[in-house]
Amino acid sequence: MAAESSAQVCLLFDMMVRAMVDKPECVSVKSVSMPNGSVVLKVGAAPEELGKLIGLGGRTSRSFRTILSAISKTQRQRYSLDIGEDIT
């Protein structure tokens, strides 16, 4: 069940990130299960798109983390976010 919910969260973030950037074909979102039981969402995009994902003063990335926090509480699964260049 945890893998299924992680896949759904990954799909949600994939759709949100693709809607924000100019090059949606360069976006990749992967979920990585950590040994401590948490899940890290690794969001990758073209280098010139990273500013849109981080936002002015980190506002957009903070909003992403707020969404993940709400999901974490409802699913009782710890999620964290890692935004970087293309991770493929």
PDB file of N, CA and C in Angstrom:
ATOM      1  N   MET A   1       0.812  -1.194   0.000  1.00  0.00           N
ATOM      2  CA  MET A   1       0.000   0.000   0.000  1.00  0.00           C
ATOM      3  C   MET A   1       0.859   1.262   0.000  1.00  0.00           C
ATOM      4  N   ALA A   2       1.963   1.237   0.716  1.00  0.00           N
ATOM      5  CA  ALA A   2       2.837   2.409   0.768  1.00  0.00           C
ATOM      6  C   ALA A   2       3.404   2.724  -0.607  1.00  0.00           C
ATOM      7  N   ALA A   3       3.748   1.696  -1.372  1.00  0.00           N
ATOM      8  CA  ALA A   3       4.281   1.919  -2.714  1.00  0.00           C
ATOM      9  C   ALA A   3       3.223   2.526  -3.623  1.00  0.00           C
ATOM     10  N   GLU A   4       1.986   2.096  -3.467  1.00  0.00           N
ATOM     11  CA  GLU A   4       0.896   2.640  -4.277  1.00  0.00           C
ATOM     12  C   GLU A   4       0.653   4.111  -3.959  1.00  0.00           C
ATOM     13  N   SER A   5       0.643   4.460  -2.683  1.00  0.00           N
ATOM     14  CA  SER A   5       0.424   5.861  -2.309  1.00  0.00           C
ATOM     15  C   SER A   5       1.608   6.725  -2.733  1.00  0.00           C
ATOM     16  N   SER A   6       2.813   6.194  -2.667  1.00  0.00           N
ATOM     17  CA  SER A   6       3.992   6.939  -3.125  1.00  0.00           C
ATOM     18  C   SER A   6       3.908   7.207  -4.620  1.00  0.00           C
ATOM     19  N   ALA A   7       3.413   6.229  -5.364  1.00  0.00           N
ATOM     20  CA  ALA A   7       3.259   6.401  -6.809  1.00  0.00           C
ATOM     21  C   ALA A   7       2.221   7.479  -7.113  1.00  0.00           C
ATOM     22  N   GLN A   8       1.153   7.539  -6.332  1.00  0.00           N
ATOM     23  CA  GLN A   8       0.127   8.556  -6.536  1.00  0.00           C
ATOM     24  C   GLN A   8       0.667   9.950  -6.218  1.00  0.00           C
ATOM     25  N   VAL A   9       1.431  10.069  -5.150  1.00  0.00           N
ATOM     26  CA  VAL A   9       2.037  11.350  -4.788  1.00  0.00           C
ATOM     27  C   VAL A   9       3.023  11.775  -5.869  1.00  0.00           C
ATOM     28  N   CYS A  10       3.779  10.831  -6.378  1.00  0.00           N
ATOM     29  CA  CYS A  10       4.740  11.101  -7.442  1.00  0.00           C
ATOM     30  C   CYS A  10       4.009  11.607  -8.692  1.00  0.00           C
ATOM     31  N   LEU A  11       2.906  10.982  -9.042  1.00  0.00           N
ATOM     32  CA  LEU A  11       2.118  11.397 -10.200  1.00  0.00           C
ATOM     33  C   LEU A  11       1.547  12.800  -9.993  1.00  0.00           C
ATOM     34  N   LEU A  12       1.055  13.082  -8.798  1.00  0.00           N
ATOM     35  CA  LEU A  12       0.524  14.411  -8.486  1.00  0.00           C
ATOM     36  C   LEU A  12       1.589  15.484  -8.689  1.00  0.00           C
ATOM     37  N   PHE A  13       2.783  15.256  -8.154  1.00  0.00           N
ATOM     38  CA  PHE A  13       3.849  16.243  -8.288  1.00  0.00           C
ATOM     39  C   PHE A  13       4.334  16.342  -9.727  1.00  0.00           C
ATOM     40  N   ASP A  14       4.308  15.237 -10.458  1.00  0.00           N
ATOM     41  CA  ASP A  14       4.680  15.274 -11.861  1.00  0.00           C
ATOM     42  C   ASP A  14       3.734  16.206 -12.624  1.00  0.00           C
ATOM     43  N   MET A  15       2.439  16.077 -12.375  1.00  0.00           N
ATOM     44  CA  MET A  15       1.459  16.929 -13.062  1.00  0.00           C
ATOM     45  C   MET A  15       1.627  18.394 -12.664  1.00  0.00           C
ATOM     46  N   MET A  16       1.843  18.672 -11.377  1.00  0.00           N
ATOM     47  CA  MET A  16       2.001  20.053 -10.916  1.00  0.00           C
ATOM     48  C   MET A  16       3.246  20.702 -11.519  1.00  0.00           C
ATOM     49  N   VAL A  17       4.351  19.977 -11.499  1.00  0.00           N
ATOM     50  CA  VAL A  17       5.614  20.539 -11.994  1.00  0.00           C
ATOM     51  C   VAL A  17       5.549  20.755 -13.503  1.00  0.00           C
ATOM     52  N   ARG A  18       4.996  19.792 -14.241  1.00  0.00           N
ATOM     53  CA  ARG A  18       4.889  19.947 -15.698  1.00  0.00           C
ATOM     54  C   ARG A  18       4.030  21.148 -16.077  1.00  0.00           C
ATOM     55  N   ALA A  19       3.019  21.464 -15.265  1.00  0.00           N
ATOM     56  CA  ALA A  19       2.158  22.607 -15.544  1.00  0.00           C
ATOM     57  C   ALA A  19       2.876  23.934 -15.302  1.00  0.00           C
ATOM     58  N   MET A  20       3.950  23.930 -14.546  1.00  0.00           N
ATOM     59  CA  MET A  20       4.643  25.167 -14.175  1.00  0.00           C
ATOM     60  C   MET A  20       5.765  25.566 -15.129  1.00  0.00           C
ATOM     61  N   VAL A  21       6.312  24.610 -15.863  1.00  0.00           N
ATOM     62  CA  VAL A  21       7.521  24.883 -16.647  1.00  0.00           C
ATOM     63  C   VAL A  21       7.209  25.048 -18.136  1.00  0.00           C
ATOM     64  N   ASP A  22       8.171  25.615 -18.862  1.00  0.00           N
ATOM     65  CA  ASP A  22       8.031  25.800 -20.302  1.00  0.00           C
ATOM     66  C   ASP A  22       8.411  24.548 -21.083  1.00  0.00           C
ATOM     67  N   LYS A  23       9.237  23.700 -20.493  1.00  0.00           N
ATOM     68  CA  LYS A  23       9.686  22.464 -21.147  1.00  0.00           C
ATOM     69  C   LYS A  23       9.235  21.256 -20.325  1.00  0.00           C
ATOM     70  N   PRO A  24       7.949  20.887 -20.405  1.00  0.00           N
ATOM     71  CA  PRO A  24       7.466  19.777 -19.583  1.00  0.00           C
ATOM     72  C   PRO A  24       8.092  18.426 -19.945  1.00  0.00           C
ATOM     73  N   GLU A  25       8.621  18.317 -21.147  1.00  0.00           N
ATOM     74  CA  GLU A  25       9.254  17.058 -21.546  1.00  0.00           C
ATOM     75  C   GLU A  25      10.558  16.808 -20.803  1.00  0.00           C
ATOM     76  N   CYS A  26      11.121  17.839 -20.196  1.00  0.00           N
ATOM     77  CA  CYS A  26      12.381  17.714 -19.449  1.00  0.00           C
ATOM     78  C   CYS A  26      12.170  17.431 -17.965  1.00  0.00           C
ATOM     79  N   VAL A  27      10.931  17.307 -17.539  1.00  0.00           N
ATOM     80  CA  VAL A  27      10.625  17.100 -16.122  1.00  0.00           C
ATOM     81  C   VAL A  27      10.658  15.620 -15.792  1.00  0.00           C
ATOM     82  N   SER A  28      11.225  15.303 -14.648  1.00  0.00           N
ATOM     83  CA  SER A  28      11.173  13.926 -14.144  1.00  0.00           C
ATOM     84  C   SER A  28      10.950  13.976 -12.635  1.00  0.00           C
ATOM     85  N   VAL A  29      10.080  13.096 -12.168  1.00  0.00           N
ATOM     86  CA  VAL A  29       9.785  12.995 -10.741  1.00  0.00           C
ATOM     87  C   VAL A  29       9.906  11.533 -10.361  1.00  0.00           C
ATOM     88  N   LYS A  30      10.743  11.243  -9.383  1.00  0.00           N
ATOM     89  CA  LYS A  30      10.947   9.869  -8.917  1.00  0.00           C
ATOM     90  C   LYS A  30      10.788   9.824  -7.408  1.00  0.00           C
ATOM     91  N   SER A  31      10.274   8.724  -6.924  1.00  0.00           N
ATOM     92  CA  SER A  31      10.199   8.537  -5.474  1.00  0.00           C
ATOM     93  C   SER A  31      11.232   7.493  -5.077  1.00  0.00           C
ATOM     94  N   VAL A  32      11.958   7.798  -4.015  1.00  0.00           N
ATOM     95  CA  VAL A  32      13.008   6.916  -3.517  1.00  0.00           C
ATOM     96  C   VAL A  32      12.702   6.609  -2.057  1.00  0.00           C
ATOM     97  N   SER A  33      12.542   5.324  -1.751  1.00  0.00           N
ATOM     98  CA  SER A  33      12.300   4.906  -0.370  1.00  0.00           C
ATOM     99  C   SER A  33      13.622   4.864   0.376  1.00  0.00           C
ATOM    100  N   MET A  34      13.627   5.462   1.543  1.00  0.00           N
ATOM    101  CA  MET A  34      14.830   5.512   2.359  1.00  0.00           C
ATOM    102  C   MET A  34      14.785   4.404   3.417  1.00  0.00           C
ATOM    103  N   PRO A  35      15.940   4.012   3.955  1.00  0.00           N
ATOM    104  CA  PRO A  35      15.977   2.947   4.968  1.00  0.00           C
ATOM    105  C   PRO A  35      15.175   3.263   6.237  1.00  0.00           C
ATOM    106  N   ASN A  36      15.015   4.546   6.557  1.00  0.00           N
ATOM    107  CA  ASN A  36      14.277   4.917   7.763  1.00  0.00           C
ATOM    108  C   ASN A  36      12.764   4.921   7.549  1.00  0.00           C
ATOM    109  N   GLY A  37      12.311   4.548   6.353  1.00  0.00           N
ATOM    110  CA  GLY A  37      10.888   4.463   6.066  1.00  0.00           C
ATOM    111  C   GLY A  37      10.313   5.689   5.388  1.00  0.00           C
ATOM    112  N   SER A  38      11.080   6.751   5.272  1.00  0.00           N
ATOM    113  CA  SER A  38      10.576   7.941   4.604  1.00  0.00           C
ATOM    114  C   SER A  38      10.736   7.798   3.089  1.00  0.00           C
ATOM    115  N   VAL A  39      10.075   8.688   2.365  1.00  0.00           N
ATOM    116  CA  VAL A  39      10.136   8.685   0.904  1.00  0.00           C
ATOM    117  C   VAL A  39      10.607  10.058   0.451  1.00  0.00           C
ATOM    118  N   VAL A  40      11.606  10.074  -0.428  1.00  0.00           N
ATOM    119  CA  VAL A  40      12.124  11.320  -0.989  1.00  0.00           C
ATOM    120  C   VAL A  40      11.614  11.441  -2.415  1.00  0.00           C
ATOM    121  N   LEU A  41      10.948  12.556  -2.718  1.00  0.00           N
ATOM    122  CA  LEU A  41      10.544  12.845  -4.088  1.00  0.00           C
ATOM    123  C   LEU A  41      11.654  13.653  -4.734  1.00  0.00           C
ATOM    124  N   LYS A  42      12.253  13.100  -5.764  1.00  0.00           N
ATOM    125  CA  LYS A  42      13.330  13.782  -6.477  1.00  0.00           C
ATOM    126  C   LYS A  42      12.716  14.384  -7.740  1.00  0.00           C
ATOM    127  N   VAL A  43      12.702  15.708  -7.790  1.00  0.00           N
ATOM    128  CA  VAL A  43      12.118  16.439  -8.906  1.00  0.00           C
ATOM    129  C   VAL A  43      13.255  17.023  -9.725  1.00  0.00           C
ATOM    130  N   GLY A  44      13.297  16.678 -10.995  1.00  0.00           N
ATOM    131  CA  GLY A  44      14.326  17.178 -11.882  1.00  0.00           C
ATOM    132  C   GLY A  44      13.711  17.940 -13.037  1.00  0.00           C
ATOM    133  N   ALA A  45      14.413  18.943 -13.510  1.00  0.00           N
ATOM    134  CA  ALA A  45      13.967  19.745 -14.642  1.00  0.00           C
ATOM    135  C   ALA A  45      15.197  20.319 -15.331  1.00  0.00           C
ATOM    136  N   ALA A  46      14.971  20.946 -16.463  1.00  0.00           N
ATOM    137  CA  ALA A  46      16.069  21.599 -17.166  1.00  0.00           C
ATOM    138  C   ALA A  46      16.645  22.697 -16.266  1.00  0.00           C
ATOM    139  N   PRO A  47      17.951  22.935 -16.334  1.00  0.00           N
ATOM    140  CA  PRO A  47      18.582  23.922 -15.448  1.00  0.00           C
ATOM    141  C   PRO A  47      17.922  25.302 -15.500  1.00  0.00           C
ATOM    142  N   GLU A  48      17.473  25.717 -16.680  1.00  0.00           N
ATOM    143  CA  GLU A  48      16.864  27.044 -16.792  1.00  0.00           C
ATOM    144  C   GLU A  48      15.445  27.098 -16.201  1.00  0.00           C
ATOM    145  N   GLU A  49      14.884  25.950 -15.850  1.00  0.00           N
ATOM    146  CA  GLU A  49      13.543  25.883 -15.272  1.00  0.00           C
ATOM    147  C   GLU A  49      13.559  25.809 -13.744  1.00  0.00           C
ATOM    148  N   LEU A  50      14.717  25.588 -13.153  1.00  0.00           N
ATOM    149  CA  LEU A  50      14.793  25.398 -11.705  1.00  0.00           C
ATOM    150  C   LEU A  50      14.319  26.612 -10.920  1.00  0.00           C
ATOM    151  N   GLY A  51      14.552  27.793 -11.454  1.00  0.00           N
ATOM    152  CA  GLY A  51      14.112  29.004 -10.775  1.00  0.00           C
ATOM    153  C   GLY A  51      12.603  29.047 -10.603  1.00  0.00           C
ATOM    154  N   LYS A  52      11.874  28.544 -11.590  1.00  0.00           N
ATOM    155  CA  LYS A  52      10.409  28.497 -11.494  1.00  0.00           C
ATOM    156  C   LYS A  52       9.958  27.526 -10.414  1.00  0.00           C
ATOM    157  N   LEU A  53      10.693  26.430 -10.251  1.00  0.00           N
ATOM    158  CA  LEU A  53      10.311  25.426  -9.263  1.00  0.00           C
ATOM    159  C   LEU A  53      10.692  25.845  -7.845  1.00  0.00           C
ATOM    160  N   ILE A  54      11.740  26.622  -7.719  1.00  0.00           N
ATOM    161  CA  ILE A  54      12.151  27.082  -6.396  1.00  0.00           C
ATOM    162  C   ILE A  54      11.383  28.344  -6.015  1.00  0.00           C
ATOM    163  N   GLY A  55      11.216  29.259  -6.953  1.00  0.00           N
ATOM    164  CA  GLY A  55      10.443  30.468  -6.716  1.00  0.00           C
ATOM    165  C   GLY A  55      11.256  31.553  -6.036  1.00  0.00           C
ATOM    166  N   LEU A  56      10.691  32.736  -6.013  1.00  0.00           N
ATOM    167  CA  LEU A  56      11.348  33.883  -5.416  1.00  0.00           C
ATOM    168  C   LEU A  56      11.458  33.679  -3.911  1.00  0.00           C
ATOM    169  N   GLY A  57      12.675  33.617  -3.433  1.00  0.00           N
ATOM    170  CA  GLY A  57      12.900  33.386  -2.005  1.00  0.00           C
ATOM    171  C   GLY A  57      12.492  31.996  -1.550  1.00  0.00           C
ATOM    172  N   GLY A  58      12.324  31.071  -2.480  1.00  0.00           N
ATOM    173  CA  GLY A  58      11.948  29.703  -2.127  1.00  0.00           C
ATOM    174  C   GLY A  58      10.464  29.514  -1.860  1.00  0.00           C
ATOM    175  N   ARG A  59       9.647  30.457  -2.289  1.00  0.00           N
ATOM    176  CA  ARG A  59       8.214  30.381  -1.994  1.00  0.00           C
ATOM    177  C   ARG A  59       7.538  29.181  -2.645  1.00  0.00           C
ATOM    178  N   THR A  60       7.868  28.911  -3.892  1.00  0.00           N
ATOM    179  CA  THR A  60       7.229  27.790  -4.589  1.00  0.00           C
ATOM    180  C   THR A  60       7.641  26.462  -3.973  1.00  0.00           C
ATOM    181  N   SER A  61       8.922  26.291  -3.706  1.00  0.00           N
ATOM    182  CA  SER A  61       9.367  25.038  -3.090  1.00  0.00           C
ATOM    183  C   SER A  61       8.784  24.881  -1.688  1.00  0.00           C
ATOM    184  N   ARG A  62       8.611  25.981  -0.974  1.00  0.00           N
ATOM    185  CA  ARG A  62       7.984  25.935   0.345  1.00  0.00           C
ATOM    186  C   ARG A  62       6.524  25.492   0.215  1.00  0.00           C
ATOM    187  N   SER A  63       5.849  25.957  -0.828  1.00  0.00           N
ATOM    188  CA  SER A  63       4.467  25.538  -1.068  1.00  0.00           C
ATOM    189  C   SER A  63       4.394  24.045  -1.387  1.00  0.00           C
ATOM    190  N   PHE A  64       5.341  23.559  -2.202  1.00  0.00           N
ATOM    191  CA  PHE A  64       5.405  22.121  -2.485  1.00  0.00           C
ATOM    192  C   PHE A  64       5.575  21.333  -1.189  1.00  0.00           C
ATOM    193  N   ARG A  65       6.451  21.819  -0.325  1.00  0.00           N
ATOM    194  CA  ARG A  65       6.702  21.113   0.937  1.00  0.00           C
ATOM    195  C   ARG A  65       5.485  21.165   1.867  1.00  0.00           C
ATOM    196  N   THR A  66       4.728  22.244   1.809  1.00  0.00           N
ATOM    197  CA  THR A  66       3.496  22.331   2.595  1.00  0.00           C
ATOM    198  C   THR A  66       2.488  21.285   2.116  1.00  0.00           C
ATOM    199  N   ILE A  67       2.374  21.132   0.818  1.00  0.00           N
ATOM    200  CA  ILE A  67       1.485  20.104   0.258  1.00  0.00           C
ATOM    201  C   ILE A  67       1.943  18.720   0.700  1.00  0.00           C
ATOM    202  N   LEU A  68       3.260  18.472   0.631  1.00  0.00           N
ATOM    203  CA  LEU A  68       3.794  17.178   1.064  1.00  0.00           C
ATOM    204  C   LEU A  68       3.553  16.938   2.549  1.00  0.00           C
ATOM    205  N   SER A  69       3.623  17.984   3.335  1.00  0.00           N
ATOM    206  CA  SER A  69       3.372  17.853   4.764  1.00  0.00           C
ATOM    207  C   SER A  69       1.928  17.433   5.025  1.00  0.00           C
ATOM    208  N   ALA A  70       0.996  18.024   4.305  1.00  0.00           N
ATOM    209  CA  ALA A  70      -0.413  17.654   4.460  1.00  0.00           C
ATOM    210  C   ALA A  70      -0.640  16.205   4.028  1.00  0.00           C
ATOM    211  N   ILE A  71      -0.009  15.805   2.943  1.00  0.00           N
ATOM    212  CA  ILE A  71      -0.128  14.422   2.481  1.00  0.00           C
ATOM    213  C   ILE A  71       0.483  13.472   3.507  1.00  0.00           C
ATOM    214  N   SER A  72       1.625  13.856   4.063  1.00  0.00           N
ATOM    215  CA  SER A  72       2.293  13.021   5.058  1.00  0.00           C
ATOM    216  C   SER A  72       1.402  12.751   6.258  1.00  0.00           C
ATOM    217  N   LYS A  73       0.685  13.769   6.703  1.00  0.00           N
ATOM    218  CA  LYS A  73      -0.182  13.605   7.870  1.00  0.00           C
ATOM    219  C   LYS A  73      -1.362  12.704   7.587  1.00  0.00           C
ATOM    220  N   THR A  74      -1.942  12.799   6.391  1.00  0.00           N
ATOM    221  CA  THR A  74      -3.105  11.966   6.088  1.00  0.00           C
ATOM    222  C   THR A  74      -2.712  10.514   5.819  1.00  0.00           C
ATOM    223  N   GLN A  75      -1.535  10.299   5.241  1.00  0.00           N
ATOM    224  CA  GLN A  75      -1.102   8.940   4.898  1.00  0.00           C
ATOM    225  C   GLN A  75      -0.203   8.320   5.954  1.00  0.00           C
ATOM    226  N   ARG A  76       0.173   9.096   6.941  1.00  0.00           N
ATOM    227  CA  ARG A  76       1.115   8.634   7.980  1.00  0.00           C
ATOM    228  C   ARG A  76       2.403   8.070   7.355  1.00  0.00           C
ATOM    229  N   GLN A  77       2.903   8.821   6.385  1.00  0.00           N
ATOM    230  CA  GLN A  77       4.131   8.469   5.672  1.00  0.00           C
ATOM    231  C   GLN A  77       4.942   9.747   5.526  1.00  0.00           C
ATOM    232  N   ARG A  78       6.197   9.733   5.935  1.00  0.00           N
ATOM    233  CA  ARG A  78       7.029  10.935   5.850  1.00  0.00           C
ATOM    234  C   ARG A  78       7.556  11.100   4.421  1.00  0.00           C
ATOM    235  N   TYR A  79       7.327  12.284   3.853  1.00  0.00           N
ATOM    236  CA  TYR A  79       7.826  12.629   2.520  1.00  0.00           C
ATOM    237  C   TYR A  79       8.743  13.828   2.635  1.00  0.00           C
ATOM    238  N   SER A  80       9.755  13.865   1.778  1.00  0.00           N
ATOM    239  CA  SER A  80      10.596  15.060   1.658  1.00  0.00           C
ATOM    240  C   SER A  80      10.804  15.314   0.170  1.00  0.00           C
ATOM    241  N   LEU A  81      11.268  16.513  -0.152  1.00  0.00           N
ATOM    242  CA  LEU A  81      11.375  16.949  -1.528  1.00  0.00           C
ATOM    243  C   LEU A  81      12.808  17.347  -1.831  1.00  0.00           C
ATOM    244  N   ASP A  82      13.276  16.918  -2.991  1.00  0.00           N
ATOM    245  CA  ASP A  82      14.623  17.272  -3.473  1.00  0.00           C
ATOM    246  C   ASP A  82      14.467  17.800  -4.897  1.00  0.00           C
ATOM    247  N   ILE A  83      14.729  19.086  -5.096  1.00  0.00           N
ATOM    248  CA  ILE A  83      14.606  19.711  -6.412  1.00  0.00           C
ATOM    249  C   ILE A  83      16.002  19.926  -6.965  1.00  0.00           C
ATOM    250  N   GLY A  84      16.229  19.459  -8.198  1.00  0.00           N
ATOM    251  CA  GLY A  84      17.543  19.620  -8.814  1.00  0.00           C
ATOM    252  C   GLY A  84      17.454  19.552 -10.318  1.00  0.00           C
ATOM    253  N   GLU A  85      18.603  19.500 -10.953  1.00  0.00           N
ATOM    254  CA  GLU A  85      18.643  19.388 -12.408  1.00  0.00           C
ATOM    255  C   GLU A  85      18.118  18.026 -12.825  1.00  0.00           C
ATOM    256  N   ASP A  86      18.013  17.837 -14.106  1.00  0.00           N
ATOM    257  CA  ASP A  86      17.454  16.605 -14.664  1.00  0.00           C
ATOM    258  C   ASP A  86      18.095  15.382 -14.005  1.00  0.00           C
ATOM    259  N   ILE A  87      17.247  14.500 -13.462  1.00  0.00           N
ATOM    260  CA  ILE A  87      17.737  13.343 -12.709  1.00  0.00           C
ATOM    261  C   ILE A  87      17.655  12.044 -13.491  1.00  0.00           C
ATOM    262  N   THR A  88      17.354  12.110 -14.774  1.00  0.00           N
ATOM    263  CA  THR A  88      17.212  10.885 -15.566  1.00  0.00           C
ATOM    264  C   THR A  88      18.500  10.189 -15.797  1.00  0.00           C
TER     265      THR A  88
END
